N, C-alpha and C. Protein backbone atom coordinates (compact mmCIF):
# COMPACT_ATOMS: atom_id res chain seq x y z
N UNK A 1 -165.29 -22.87 51.99
CA UNK A 1 -164.39 -23.37 53.03
C UNK A 1 -162.92 -23.19 52.59
N UNK A 2 -162.64 -23.52 51.33
CA UNK A 2 -161.27 -23.39 50.84
C UNK A 2 -160.86 -21.92 50.85
N UNK A 3 -161.79 -21.05 50.46
CA UNK A 3 -161.48 -19.62 50.43
C UNK A 3 -161.17 -19.13 51.85
N UNK A 4 -161.91 -19.63 52.81
CA UNK A 4 -161.69 -19.23 54.20
C UNK A 4 -160.29 -19.65 54.66
N UNK A 5 -159.91 -20.89 54.32
CA UNK A 5 -158.58 -21.38 54.70
C UNK A 5 -157.49 -20.54 54.05
N UNK A 6 -157.72 -20.20 52.79
CA UNK A 6 -156.73 -19.39 52.07
C UNK A 6 -156.59 -18.03 52.75
N UNK A 7 -157.74 -17.42 53.07
CA UNK A 7 -157.73 -16.13 53.75
C UNK A 7 -156.99 -16.23 55.08
N UNK A 8 -157.27 -17.29 55.81
CA UNK A 8 -156.67 -17.48 57.12
C UNK A 8 -155.16 -17.63 56.98
N UNK A 9 -154.74 -18.39 55.95
CA UNK A 9 -153.31 -18.60 55.76
C UNK A 9 -152.62 -17.27 55.43
N UNK A 10 -153.27 -16.47 54.59
CA UNK A 10 -152.69 -15.17 54.26
C UNK A 10 -152.58 -14.31 55.51
N UNK A 11 -153.65 -14.31 56.30
CA UNK A 11 -153.64 -13.51 57.52
C UNK A 11 -152.57 -14.03 58.47
N UNK A 12 -152.41 -15.34 58.55
CA UNK A 12 -151.41 -15.95 59.44
C UNK A 12 -150.01 -15.54 59.01
N UNK A 13 -149.74 -15.60 57.71
CA UNK A 13 -148.40 -15.25 57.24
C UNK A 13 -148.12 -13.78 57.54
N UNK A 14 -149.14 -12.92 57.36
CA UNK A 14 -148.96 -11.51 57.68
C UNK A 14 -148.71 -11.34 59.17
N UNK A 15 -149.41 -12.13 59.97
CA UNK A 15 -149.26 -12.07 61.43
C UNK A 15 -147.85 -12.47 61.83
N UNK A 16 -147.36 -13.57 61.25
CA UNK A 16 -146.01 -14.03 61.59
C UNK A 16 -144.96 -13.06 61.08
N UNK A 17 -145.20 -12.46 59.90
CA UNK A 17 -144.25 -11.47 59.38
C UNK A 17 -144.15 -10.28 60.32
N UNK A 18 -145.29 -9.83 60.82
CA UNK A 18 -145.27 -8.68 61.72
C UNK A 18 -144.56 -9.04 63.03
N UNK A 19 -144.79 -10.26 63.51
CA UNK A 19 -144.10 -10.71 64.74
C UNK A 19 -142.60 -10.75 64.49
N UNK A 20 -142.22 -11.28 63.32
CA UNK A 20 -140.79 -11.36 62.99
C UNK A 20 -140.18 -9.97 62.96
N UNK A 21 -140.90 -9.03 62.34
CA UNK A 21 -140.40 -7.65 62.25
C UNK A 21 -140.26 -7.05 63.65
N UNK A 22 -141.27 -7.28 64.49
CA UNK A 22 -141.23 -6.74 65.84
C UNK A 22 -140.08 -7.33 66.64
N UNK A 23 -139.88 -8.64 66.54
CA UNK A 23 -138.83 -9.27 67.33
C UNK A 23 -137.46 -8.83 66.84
N UNK A 24 -137.29 -8.69 65.52
CA UNK A 24 -135.99 -8.26 65.01
C UNK A 24 -135.70 -6.83 65.45
N UNK A 25 -136.72 -5.98 65.40
CA UNK A 25 -136.53 -4.59 65.84
C UNK A 25 -136.22 -4.56 67.33
N UNK A 26 -136.93 -5.38 68.10
CA UNK A 26 -136.72 -5.41 69.54
C UNK A 26 -135.32 -5.91 69.87
N UNK A 27 -134.87 -6.97 69.19
CA UNK A 27 -133.53 -7.51 69.47
C UNK A 27 -132.48 -6.49 69.07
N UNK A 28 -132.72 -5.74 68.00
CA UNK A 28 -131.76 -4.72 67.59
C UNK A 28 -131.66 -3.64 68.65
N UNK A 29 -132.81 -3.23 69.18
CA UNK A 29 -132.82 -2.20 70.23
C UNK A 29 -132.11 -2.72 71.47
N UNK A 30 -132.39 -3.99 71.82
CA UNK A 30 -131.76 -4.60 72.98
C UNK A 30 -130.25 -4.64 72.80
N UNK A 31 -129.81 -5.01 71.60
CA UNK A 31 -128.38 -5.10 71.31
C UNK A 31 -127.73 -3.73 71.44
N UNK A 32 -128.39 -2.71 70.91
CA UNK A 32 -127.84 -1.35 70.99
C UNK A 32 -127.72 -0.90 72.44
N UNK A 33 -128.73 -1.19 73.25
CA UNK A 33 -128.68 -0.77 74.65
C UNK A 33 -127.56 -1.53 75.37
N UNK A 34 -127.36 -2.80 75.01
CA UNK A 34 -126.26 -3.57 75.61
C UNK A 34 -124.92 -2.97 75.22
N UNK A 35 -124.81 -2.57 73.95
CA UNK A 35 -123.56 -1.97 73.48
C UNK A 35 -123.28 -0.67 74.22
N UNK A 36 -124.34 0.12 74.43
CA UNK A 36 -124.16 1.40 75.12
C UNK A 36 -123.77 1.18 76.58
N UNK A 37 -124.27 0.10 77.18
CA UNK A 37 -124.01 -0.14 78.59
C UNK A 37 -122.58 -0.63 78.83
N UNK A 38 -122.07 -1.49 77.96
CA UNK A 38 -120.72 -2.04 78.19
C UNK A 38 -119.77 -1.63 77.06
N UNK A 39 -118.76 -0.85 77.36
CA UNK A 39 -117.81 -0.39 76.35
C UNK A 39 -116.92 -1.50 75.80
N UNK A 40 -116.77 -2.60 76.55
CA UNK A 40 -115.92 -3.69 76.07
C UNK A 40 -116.55 -4.36 74.85
N UNK A 41 -117.87 -4.49 74.87
CA UNK A 41 -118.56 -5.07 73.73
C UNK A 41 -118.41 -4.16 72.52
N UNK A 42 -118.46 -2.86 72.75
CA UNK A 42 -118.35 -1.91 71.66
C UNK A 42 -116.98 -2.04 70.98
N UNK A 43 -115.95 -2.29 71.77
CA UNK A 43 -114.61 -2.44 71.21
C UNK A 43 -114.50 -3.71 70.37
N UNK A 44 -115.18 -4.77 70.81
CA UNK A 44 -115.12 -6.02 70.07
C UNK A 44 -115.79 -5.92 68.71
N UNK A 45 -116.82 -5.09 68.60
CA UNK A 45 -117.54 -4.99 67.32
C UNK A 45 -116.98 -3.98 66.40
């Protein structure tokens, strides 16, 4: 039972890490598309 919980926790952390990576990549892409759409934002950065 303990081994199962440990396995599950490892799998969960990997799952959350992948979600974090996906969301960060997605937000970066979204930010880039926003920058390309509005030149005023590009000037501010």
